[in-house]
Amino acid sequence: ESTNEAQGSQFLVRVRYTSDMCIKEEFLFCELLLTTTKAADVLQIMDKFFSNDGLDWKTNLDIMYTDGSPSMLGRKSGLRALLEAKAPQLVTLHCFLHHHALASKTFPPRLKSAMSTAGQVLIFIQSRALNHKLVKILCQEVGAKHDILLYCTEVHWLSHG
């Protein structure tokens, strides 16, 4: 679960799978959490996705990454507990974004420069409502799958605030 620029909660799902003897990693989907961010709400979104795509919980879900929050890890009503009822083989690990955020701190200078420029562009777009609206219109005109930008900041370890 992540919060977007408009303070809306989003549920991001990333998958890792094997294809042609290679391990691949991709974002699977991003859905808005319209009301609360409780485990039951997240499970409902996952249930809908699994049903719509004809996926089986026991054969298509092995590992879950979380941010370590109680709503994800709670023993009775946390997402892990709810998913283990559907997929007993489930293994739970800490969120991959934190690993990527730490790795990004050691980027080579040229990549750091490119990321800094991209960040400045995002800040420019985010700085005024008109900029944000123009980007939304541009995305719609070119037929982009999404018409908003996800604004990211540094990921902080929960234990360090």
N, C-alpha and C. Protein backbone atom coordinates (compact mmCIF):
# COMPACT_ATOMS: atom_id res chain seq x y z
N GLU A 1 0.85 -1.18 0.00
CA GLU A 1 0.00 0.00 0.00
C GLU A 1 0.89 1.22 0.00
N SER A 2 0.51 2.20 -0.82
CA SER A 2 1.26 3.43 -0.97
C SER A 2 0.28 4.58 -1.04
N THR A 3 0.73 5.78 -0.70
CA THR A 3 -0.14 6.96 -0.78
C THR A 3 0.32 7.83 -1.93
N ASN A 4 -0.63 8.21 -2.79
CA ASN A 4 -0.27 9.06 -3.93
C ASN A 4 -0.30 10.53 -3.54
N GLU A 5 0.00 11.39 -4.51
CA GLU A 5 0.11 12.83 -4.28
C GLU A 5 -1.21 13.42 -3.80
N ALA A 6 -2.32 12.87 -4.21
CA ALA A 6 -3.64 13.37 -3.82
C ALA A 6 -4.11 12.74 -2.52
N GLN A 7 -3.21 12.13 -1.77
CA GLN A 7 -3.49 11.47 -0.49
C GLN A 7 -4.42 10.27 -0.64
N GLY A 8 -4.49 9.70 -1.82
CA GLY A 8 -5.26 8.47 -2.04
C GLY A 8 -4.38 7.26 -1.80
N SER A 9 -4.94 6.25 -1.18
CA SER A 9 -4.17 5.03 -0.94
C SER A 9 -4.25 4.13 -2.16
N GLN A 10 -3.11 3.56 -2.52
CA GLN A 10 -3.03 2.67 -3.67
C GLN A 10 -2.43 1.35 -3.24
N PHE A 11 -2.89 0.29 -3.85
CA PHE A 11 -2.35 -1.03 -3.59
C PHE A 11 -1.54 -1.43 -4.80
N LEU A 12 -0.22 -1.59 -4.61
CA LEU A 12 0.69 -1.94 -5.69
C LEU A 12 1.04 -3.41 -5.60
N VAL A 13 0.96 -4.11 -6.72
CA VAL A 13 1.31 -5.53 -6.73
C VAL A 13 2.40 -5.76 -7.75
N ARG A 14 3.47 -6.38 -7.31
CA ARG A 14 4.61 -6.71 -8.14
C ARG A 14 4.74 -8.23 -8.15
N VAL A 15 5.09 -8.79 -9.29
CA VAL A 15 5.21 -10.25 -9.40
C VAL A 15 6.62 -10.64 -9.81
N ARG A 16 7.01 -11.80 -9.38
CA ARG A 16 8.26 -12.43 -9.81
C ARG A 16 7.87 -13.82 -10.29
N TYR A 17 8.33 -14.16 -11.48
CA TYR A 17 7.97 -15.45 -12.07
C TYR A 17 9.09 -15.93 -12.98
N THR A 18 9.00 -17.20 -13.38
CA THR A 18 9.99 -17.74 -14.31
C THR A 18 9.36 -17.85 -15.69
N SER A 19 10.16 -17.54 -16.70
CA SER A 19 9.73 -17.64 -18.09
C SER A 19 10.97 -17.90 -18.93
N ASP A 20 10.93 -18.93 -19.73
CA ASP A 20 12.08 -19.29 -20.58
C ASP A 20 13.36 -19.41 -19.77
N MET A 21 13.27 -20.08 -18.64
CA MET A 21 14.41 -20.35 -17.77
C MET A 21 15.03 -19.08 -17.17
N CYS A 22 14.28 -17.97 -17.15
CA CYS A 22 14.74 -16.72 -16.55
C CYS A 22 13.75 -16.27 -15.48
N ILE A 23 14.28 -15.63 -14.46
CA ILE A 23 13.40 -15.05 -13.44
C ILE A 23 13.09 -13.63 -13.87
N LYS A 24 11.79 -13.30 -13.93
CA LYS A 24 11.37 -11.96 -14.35
C LYS A 24 10.60 -11.30 -13.22
N GLU A 25 10.71 -9.97 -13.14
CA GLU A 25 10.02 -9.18 -12.13
C GLU A 25 9.30 -8.03 -12.82
N GLU A 26 8.02 -7.85 -12.52
CA GLU A 26 7.24 -6.78 -13.13
C GLU A 26 6.17 -6.30 -12.17
N PHE A 27 5.69 -5.06 -12.39
CA PHE A 27 4.50 -4.61 -11.69
C PHE A 27 3.31 -5.30 -12.33
N LEU A 28 2.43 -5.85 -11.51
CA LEU A 28 1.25 -6.55 -12.02
C LEU A 28 0.09 -5.59 -12.15
N PHE A 29 -0.22 -4.85 -11.08
CA PHE A 29 -1.29 -3.86 -11.15
C PHE A 29 -1.20 -2.89 -9.99
N CYS A 30 -1.92 -1.80 -10.14
CA CYS A 30 -2.03 -0.78 -9.10
C CYS A 30 -3.51 -0.41 -9.01
N GLU A 31 -4.10 -0.55 -7.84
CA GLU A 31 -5.52 -0.25 -7.64
C GLU A 31 -5.67 0.73 -6.49
N LEU A 32 -6.60 1.66 -6.64
CA LEU A 32 -6.90 2.58 -5.55
C LEU A 32 -7.68 1.86 -4.47
N LEU A 33 -7.35 2.14 -3.21
CA LEU A 33 -8.13 1.66 -2.08
C LEU A 33 -9.10 2.78 -1.74
N LEU A 34 -10.36 2.60 -2.09
CA LEU A 34 -11.32 3.69 -2.03
C LEU A 34 -11.73 4.09 -0.62
N THR A 35 -11.76 3.15 0.30
CA THR A 35 -12.19 3.50 1.65
C THR A 35 -11.04 3.34 2.63
N THR A 36 -10.94 2.20 3.26
CA THR A 36 -9.88 1.97 4.24
C THR A 36 -8.76 1.14 3.63
N THR A 37 -7.68 1.00 4.39
CA THR A 37 -6.54 0.20 3.93
C THR A 37 -6.40 -1.06 4.77
N LYS A 38 -7.52 -1.57 5.23
CA LYS A 38 -7.50 -2.78 6.05
C LYS A 38 -7.17 -3.99 5.18
N ALA A 39 -6.72 -5.03 5.84
CA ALA A 39 -6.34 -6.25 5.14
C ALA A 39 -7.51 -6.81 4.32
N ALA A 40 -8.71 -6.71 4.85
CA ALA A 40 -9.88 -7.23 4.14
C ALA A 40 -10.10 -6.48 2.83
N ASP A 41 -9.82 -5.17 2.80
CA ASP A 41 -9.96 -4.39 1.57
C ASP A 41 -8.93 -4.82 0.53
N VAL A 42 -7.71 -5.04 0.99
CA VAL A 42 -6.63 -5.47 0.10
C VAL A 42 -6.94 -6.87 -0.44
N LEU A 43 -7.41 -7.75 0.44
CA LEU A 43 -7.77 -9.10 0.01
C LEU A 43 -8.87 -9.08 -1.03
N GLN A 44 -9.83 -8.20 -0.87
CA GLN A 44 -10.94 -8.09 -1.83
C GLN A 44 -10.40 -7.72 -3.22
N ILE A 45 -9.46 -6.79 -3.27
CA ILE A 45 -8.86 -6.40 -4.56
C ILE A 45 -8.09 -7.58 -5.17
N MET A 46 -7.32 -8.28 -4.33
CA MET A 46 -6.56 -9.43 -4.83
C MET A 46 -7.50 -10.54 -5.29
N ASP A 47 -8.55 -10.79 -4.52
CA ASP A 47 -9.54 -11.81 -4.88
C ASP A 47 -10.15 -11.52 -6.25
N LYS A 48 -10.51 -10.26 -6.45
CA LYS A 48 -11.10 -9.85 -7.73
C LYS A 48 -10.11 -10.09 -8.87
N PHE A 49 -8.85 -9.71 -8.66
CA PHE A 49 -7.83 -9.91 -9.70
C PHE A 49 -7.64 -11.40 -9.99
N PHE A 50 -7.50 -12.22 -8.94
CA PHE A 50 -7.30 -13.66 -9.13
C PHE A 50 -8.50 -14.27 -9.87
N SER A 51 -9.71 -13.87 -9.49
CA SER A 51 -10.91 -14.40 -10.15
C SER A 51 -10.98 -14.00 -11.61
N ASN A 52 -10.76 -12.70 -11.88
CA ASN A 52 -10.85 -12.20 -13.26
C ASN A 52 -9.82 -12.84 -14.19
N ASP A 53 -8.66 -13.19 -13.65
CA ASP A 53 -7.60 -13.76 -14.48
C ASP A 53 -7.50 -15.28 -14.37
N GLY A 54 -8.43 -15.89 -13.64
CA GLY A 54 -8.44 -17.35 -13.52
C GLY A 54 -7.22 -17.92 -12.82
N LEU A 55 -6.72 -17.20 -11.82
CA LEU A 55 -5.53 -17.66 -11.09
C LEU A 55 -5.94 -18.44 -9.85
N ASP A 56 -5.11 -19.39 -9.48
CA ASP A 56 -5.35 -20.23 -8.31
C ASP A 56 -4.42 -19.80 -7.18
N TRP A 57 -4.99 -19.57 -6.00
CA TRP A 57 -4.19 -19.11 -4.87
C TRP A 57 -3.07 -20.08 -4.50
N LYS A 58 -3.34 -21.37 -4.58
CA LYS A 58 -2.36 -22.36 -4.13
C LYS A 58 -1.21 -22.56 -5.11
N THR A 59 -1.44 -22.28 -6.37
CA THR A 59 -0.36 -22.48 -7.35
C THR A 59 0.26 -21.18 -7.84
N ASN A 60 -0.40 -20.04 -7.62
CA ASN A 60 0.11 -18.78 -8.16
C ASN A 60 0.57 -17.77 -7.11
N LEU A 61 0.59 -18.16 -5.84
CA LEU A 61 1.06 -17.24 -4.80
C LEU A 61 1.97 -17.99 -3.85
N ASP A 62 3.24 -17.59 -3.82
CA ASP A 62 4.22 -18.25 -2.96
C ASP A 62 4.82 -17.31 -1.92
N ILE A 63 5.09 -16.05 -2.33
CA ILE A 63 5.78 -15.11 -1.45
C ILE A 63 5.01 -13.80 -1.44
N MET A 64 4.91 -13.19 -0.26
CA MET A 64 4.28 -11.88 -0.13
C MET A 64 5.28 -10.94 0.52
N TYR A 65 5.46 -9.76 -0.10
CA TYR A 65 6.31 -8.72 0.48
C TYR A 65 5.40 -7.69 1.14
N THR A 66 5.73 -7.26 2.34
CA THR A 66 4.92 -6.26 3.04
C THR A 66 5.82 -5.18 3.64
N ASP A 67 5.18 -4.14 4.13
CA ASP A 67 5.92 -3.07 4.82
C ASP A 67 6.08 -3.37 6.30
N GLY A 68 5.55 -4.47 6.76
CA GLY A 68 5.69 -4.86 8.15
C GLY A 68 4.64 -4.27 9.07
N SER A 69 3.64 -3.58 8.53
CA SER A 69 2.61 -2.97 9.37
C SER A 69 1.67 -4.03 9.95
N PRO A 70 1.02 -3.73 11.07
CA PRO A 70 0.11 -4.70 11.70
C PRO A 70 -1.04 -5.13 10.77
N SER A 71 -1.53 -4.21 9.92
CA SER A 71 -2.63 -4.61 9.03
C SER A 71 -2.18 -5.65 8.01
N MET A 72 -0.89 -5.70 7.76
CA MET A 72 -0.36 -6.71 6.83
C MET A 72 0.03 -7.99 7.55
N LEU A 73 0.58 -7.86 8.75
CA LEU A 73 1.16 -9.02 9.42
C LEU A 73 0.35 -9.55 10.60
N GLY A 74 -0.77 -8.93 10.92
CA GLY A 74 -1.57 -9.37 12.06
C GLY A 74 -1.89 -10.86 12.01
N ARG A 75 -1.83 -11.52 13.16
CA ARG A 75 -2.00 -12.97 13.22
C ARG A 75 -3.42 -13.44 12.92
N LYS A 76 -4.43 -12.60 13.22
CA LYS A 76 -5.82 -13.02 13.02
C LYS A 76 -6.47 -12.35 11.83
N SER A 77 -6.33 -11.03 11.72
CA SER A 77 -7.03 -10.33 10.64
C SER A 77 -6.08 -9.59 9.69
N GLY A 78 -4.78 -9.81 9.84
CA GLY A 78 -3.82 -9.21 8.92
C GLY A 78 -3.86 -9.89 7.56
N LEU A 79 -3.35 -9.22 6.55
CA LEU A 79 -3.38 -9.78 5.21
C LEU A 79 -2.66 -11.12 5.14
N ARG A 80 -1.54 -11.24 5.84
CA ARG A 80 -0.82 -12.51 5.83
C ARG A 80 -1.71 -13.65 6.33
N ALA A 81 -2.42 -13.43 7.43
CA ALA A 81 -3.30 -14.47 7.97
C ALA A 81 -4.42 -14.81 6.99
N LEU A 82 -5.00 -13.79 6.37
CA LEU A 82 -6.09 -14.02 5.41
C LEU A 82 -5.59 -14.78 4.18
N LEU A 83 -4.38 -14.42 3.71
CA LEU A 83 -3.84 -15.11 2.54
C LEU A 83 -3.38 -16.53 2.85
N GLU A 84 -2.85 -16.73 4.07
CA GLU A 84 -2.41 -18.09 4.44
C GLU A 84 -3.58 -19.05 4.47
N ALA A 85 -4.79 -18.55 4.74
CA ALA A 85 -5.98 -19.40 4.69
C ALA A 85 -6.25 -19.87 3.27
N LYS A 86 -5.92 -19.04 2.28
CA LYS A 86 -6.13 -19.39 0.88
C LYS A 86 -4.91 -20.09 0.27
N ALA A 87 -3.72 -19.73 0.78
CA ALA A 87 -2.47 -20.26 0.23
C ALA A 87 -1.54 -20.63 1.38
N PRO A 88 -1.69 -21.83 1.95
CA PRO A 88 -0.90 -22.21 3.12
C PRO A 88 0.61 -22.21 2.89
N GLN A 89 1.06 -22.28 1.66
CA GLN A 89 2.49 -22.32 1.34
C GLN A 89 3.13 -20.93 1.38
N LEU A 90 2.36 -19.89 1.65
CA LEU A 90 2.81 -18.50 1.59
C LEU A 90 3.98 -18.22 2.53
N VAL A 91 4.99 -17.52 2.00
CA VAL A 91 6.13 -17.04 2.77
C VAL A 91 6.06 -15.51 2.74
N THR A 92 6.28 -14.86 3.88
CA THR A 92 6.19 -13.39 3.95
C THR A 92 7.58 -12.80 4.15
N LEU A 93 7.90 -11.79 3.34
CA LEU A 93 9.19 -11.09 3.41
C LEU A 93 8.96 -9.58 3.47
N HIS A 94 10.01 -8.83 3.81
CA HIS A 94 9.91 -7.38 3.88
C HIS A 94 9.88 -6.77 2.49
N CYS A 95 9.23 -5.64 2.33
CA CYS A 95 8.97 -4.95 1.07
C CYS A 95 10.23 -4.71 0.23
N PHE A 96 10.14 -4.98 -1.05
CA PHE A 96 11.25 -4.79 -1.98
C PHE A 96 11.61 -3.33 -2.18
N LEU A 97 10.65 -2.41 -1.99
CA LEU A 97 10.94 -1.00 -2.22
C LEU A 97 12.02 -0.48 -1.29
N HIS A 98 12.04 -0.99 -0.07
CA HIS A 98 13.08 -0.54 0.86
C HIS A 98 14.45 -1.00 0.39
N HIS A 99 14.52 -2.20 -0.16
CA HIS A 99 15.80 -2.68 -0.69
C HIS A 99 16.23 -1.83 -1.88
N HIS A 100 15.29 -1.47 -2.76
CA HIS A 100 15.61 -0.65 -3.93
C HIS A 100 16.02 0.76 -3.51
N ALA A 101 15.34 1.31 -2.49
CA ALA A 101 15.68 2.65 -2.02
C ALA A 101 17.11 2.70 -1.48
N LEU A 102 17.48 1.67 -0.75
CA LEU A 102 18.85 1.62 -0.22
C LEU A 102 19.86 1.47 -1.36
N ALA A 103 19.54 0.64 -2.33
CA ALA A 103 20.45 0.44 -3.46
C ALA A 103 20.61 1.73 -4.26
N SER A 104 19.53 2.51 -4.38
CA SER A 104 19.60 3.75 -5.17
C SER A 104 20.55 4.77 -4.57
N LYS A 105 20.86 4.65 -3.29
CA LYS A 105 21.77 5.60 -2.65
C LYS A 105 23.22 5.40 -3.11
N THR A 106 23.50 4.28 -3.79
CA THR A 106 24.85 4.01 -4.27
C THR A 106 24.94 4.06 -5.80
N PHE A 107 24.01 4.75 -6.46
CA PHE A 107 24.03 4.88 -7.91
C PHE A 107 25.32 5.56 -8.38
N PRO A 108 25.79 5.20 -9.58
CA PRO A 108 26.93 5.91 -10.18
C PRO A 108 26.53 7.37 -10.45
N PRO A 109 27.49 8.29 -10.55
CA PRO A 109 27.19 9.72 -10.74
C PRO A 109 26.27 10.03 -11.92
N ARG A 110 26.47 9.39 -13.07
CA ARG A 110 25.63 9.69 -14.25
C ARG A 110 24.19 9.29 -14.01
N LEU A 111 23.96 8.15 -13.37
CA LEU A 111 22.60 7.71 -13.08
C LEU A 111 21.96 8.61 -12.01
N LYS A 112 22.76 9.01 -11.01
CA LYS A 112 22.26 9.95 -9.99
C LYS A 112 21.81 11.25 -10.65
N SER A 113 22.59 11.74 -11.61
CA SER A 113 22.25 12.97 -12.32
C SER A 113 20.94 12.82 -13.09
N ALA A 114 20.78 11.70 -13.78
CA ALA A 114 19.55 11.45 -14.55
C ALA A 114 18.35 11.37 -13.61
N MET A 115 18.51 10.69 -12.48
CA MET A 115 17.42 10.57 -11.52
C MET A 115 17.09 11.93 -10.90
N SER A 116 18.10 12.75 -10.69
CA SER A 116 17.88 14.09 -10.14
C SER A 116 17.08 14.93 -11.12
N THR A 117 17.42 14.84 -12.41
CA THR A 117 16.69 15.59 -13.44
C THR A 117 15.24 15.12 -13.50
N ALA A 118 15.03 13.81 -13.47
CA ALA A 118 13.67 13.28 -13.48
C ALA A 118 12.90 13.77 -12.26
N GLY A 119 13.55 13.82 -11.13
CA GLY A 119 12.91 14.32 -9.91
C GLY A 119 12.53 15.78 -10.03
N GLN A 120 13.40 16.58 -10.65
CA GLN A 120 13.10 18.00 -10.85
C GLN A 120 11.90 18.19 -11.78
N VAL A 121 11.80 17.35 -12.80
CA VAL A 121 10.65 17.41 -13.70
C VAL A 121 9.37 17.08 -12.93
N LEU A 122 9.42 16.04 -12.11
CA LEU A 122 8.25 15.67 -11.31
C LEU A 122 7.87 16.79 -10.34
N ILE A 123 8.85 17.41 -9.72
CA ILE A 123 8.57 18.52 -8.80
C ILE A 123 7.92 19.68 -9.55
N PHE A 124 8.41 19.96 -10.77
CA PHE A 124 7.82 21.02 -11.58
C PHE A 124 6.36 20.70 -11.90
N ILE A 125 6.09 19.47 -12.29
CA ILE A 125 4.71 19.07 -12.61
C ILE A 125 3.83 19.16 -11.38
N GLN A 126 4.36 18.72 -10.26
CA GLN A 126 3.59 18.68 -9.02
C GLN A 126 3.40 20.08 -8.42
N SER A 127 4.26 21.03 -8.75
CA SER A 127 4.26 22.34 -8.09
C SER A 127 3.01 23.17 -8.37
N ARG A 128 2.36 22.95 -9.48
CA ARG A 128 1.18 23.72 -9.83
C ARG A 128 0.08 22.79 -10.34
N ALA A 129 -1.13 23.07 -9.93
CA ALA A 129 -2.27 22.25 -10.36
C ALA A 129 -2.39 22.24 -11.87
N LEU A 130 -2.11 23.38 -12.52
CA LEU A 130 -2.22 23.46 -13.98
C LEU A 130 -1.24 22.49 -14.64
N ASN A 131 -0.01 22.42 -14.15
CA ASN A 131 0.98 21.49 -14.71
C ASN A 131 0.46 20.06 -14.62
N HIS A 132 -0.07 19.71 -13.46
CA HIS A 132 -0.60 18.36 -13.23
C HIS A 132 -1.75 18.07 -14.21
N LYS A 133 -2.64 19.05 -14.38
CA LYS A 133 -3.79 18.88 -15.30
C LYS A 133 -3.32 18.72 -16.74
N LEU A 134 -2.30 19.50 -17.14
CA LEU A 134 -1.78 19.40 -18.51
C LEU A 134 -1.15 18.04 -18.78
N VAL A 135 -0.43 17.51 -17.80
CA VAL A 135 0.15 16.18 -17.97
C VAL A 135 -0.96 15.14 -18.07
N LYS A 136 -2.00 15.29 -17.28
CA LYS A 136 -3.14 14.36 -17.34
C LYS A 136 -3.78 14.40 -18.73
N ILE A 137 -3.99 15.59 -19.27
CA ILE A 137 -4.57 15.73 -20.60
C ILE A 137 -3.65 15.11 -21.65
N LEU A 138 -2.34 15.36 -21.55
CA LEU A 138 -1.38 14.78 -22.48
C LEU A 138 -1.45 13.25 -22.46
N CYS A 139 -1.49 12.68 -21.26
CA CYS A 139 -1.56 11.22 -21.14
C CYS A 139 -2.82 10.67 -21.79
N GLN A 140 -3.94 11.37 -21.61
CA GLN A 140 -5.20 10.94 -22.21
C GLN A 140 -5.13 11.05 -23.73
N GLU A 141 -4.55 12.13 -24.24
CA GLU A 141 -4.46 12.33 -25.69
C GLU A 141 -3.60 11.29 -26.39
N VAL A 142 -2.54 10.83 -25.73
CA VAL A 142 -1.67 9.83 -26.36
C VAL A 142 -2.14 8.41 -26.07
N GLY A 143 -3.25 8.28 -25.33
CA GLY A 143 -3.81 6.95 -25.07
C GLY A 143 -3.04 6.16 -24.04
N ALA A 144 -2.39 6.85 -23.11
CA ALA A 144 -1.64 6.16 -22.07
C ALA A 144 -2.59 5.36 -21.18
N LYS A 145 -2.10 4.28 -20.64
CA LYS A 145 -2.90 3.42 -19.77
C LYS A 145 -3.29 4.16 -18.50
N HIS A 146 -2.42 5.01 -18.00
CA HIS A 146 -2.67 5.79 -16.78
C HIS A 146 -2.60 7.27 -17.13
N ASP A 147 -3.37 8.08 -16.41
CA ASP A 147 -3.36 9.50 -16.70
C ASP A 147 -2.90 10.35 -15.51
N ILE A 148 -2.26 9.72 -14.54
CA ILE A 148 -1.66 10.48 -13.44
C ILE A 148 -0.25 9.96 -13.23
N LEU A 149 0.57 10.79 -12.63
CA LEU A 149 1.93 10.38 -12.28
C LEU A 149 1.96 10.01 -10.82
N LEU A 150 2.69 8.98 -10.50
CA LEU A 150 2.89 8.62 -9.10
C LEU A 150 4.11 9.38 -8.61
N TYR A 151 3.92 10.19 -7.58
CA TYR A 151 5.01 10.97 -7.03
C TYR A 151 5.62 10.21 -5.88
N CYS A 152 6.91 9.99 -5.94
CA CYS A 152 7.58 9.20 -4.91
C CYS A 152 8.56 10.08 -4.14
N THR A 153 8.74 9.73 -2.89
CA THR A 153 9.76 10.36 -2.08
C THR A 153 10.64 9.25 -1.56
N GLU A 154 11.62 9.61 -0.73
CA GLU A 154 12.48 8.58 -0.17
C GLU A 154 11.68 7.60 0.67
N VAL A 155 12.08 6.36 0.64
CA VAL A 155 11.45 5.35 1.49
C VAL A 155 12.21 5.34 2.80
N HIS A 156 11.49 5.41 3.91
CA HIS A 156 12.11 5.41 5.21
C HIS A 156 11.83 4.08 5.92
N TRP A 157 12.82 3.56 6.59
CA TRP A 157 12.60 2.37 7.39
C TRP A 157 11.67 2.75 8.52
N LEU A 158 10.71 1.88 8.81
CA LEU A 158 9.72 2.18 9.85
C LEU A 158 10.39 2.42 11.19
N SER A 159 11.47 1.71 11.48
CA SER A 159 12.12 1.85 12.77
C SER A 159 12.90 3.15 12.93
N HIS A 160 13.15 3.83 11.79
CA HIS A 160 13.93 5.06 11.85
C HIS A 160 13.10 6.31 11.61
N GLY A 161 11.78 6.16 11.48
CA GLY A 161 10.89 7.31 11.34
C GLY A 161 10.84 7.95 10.03
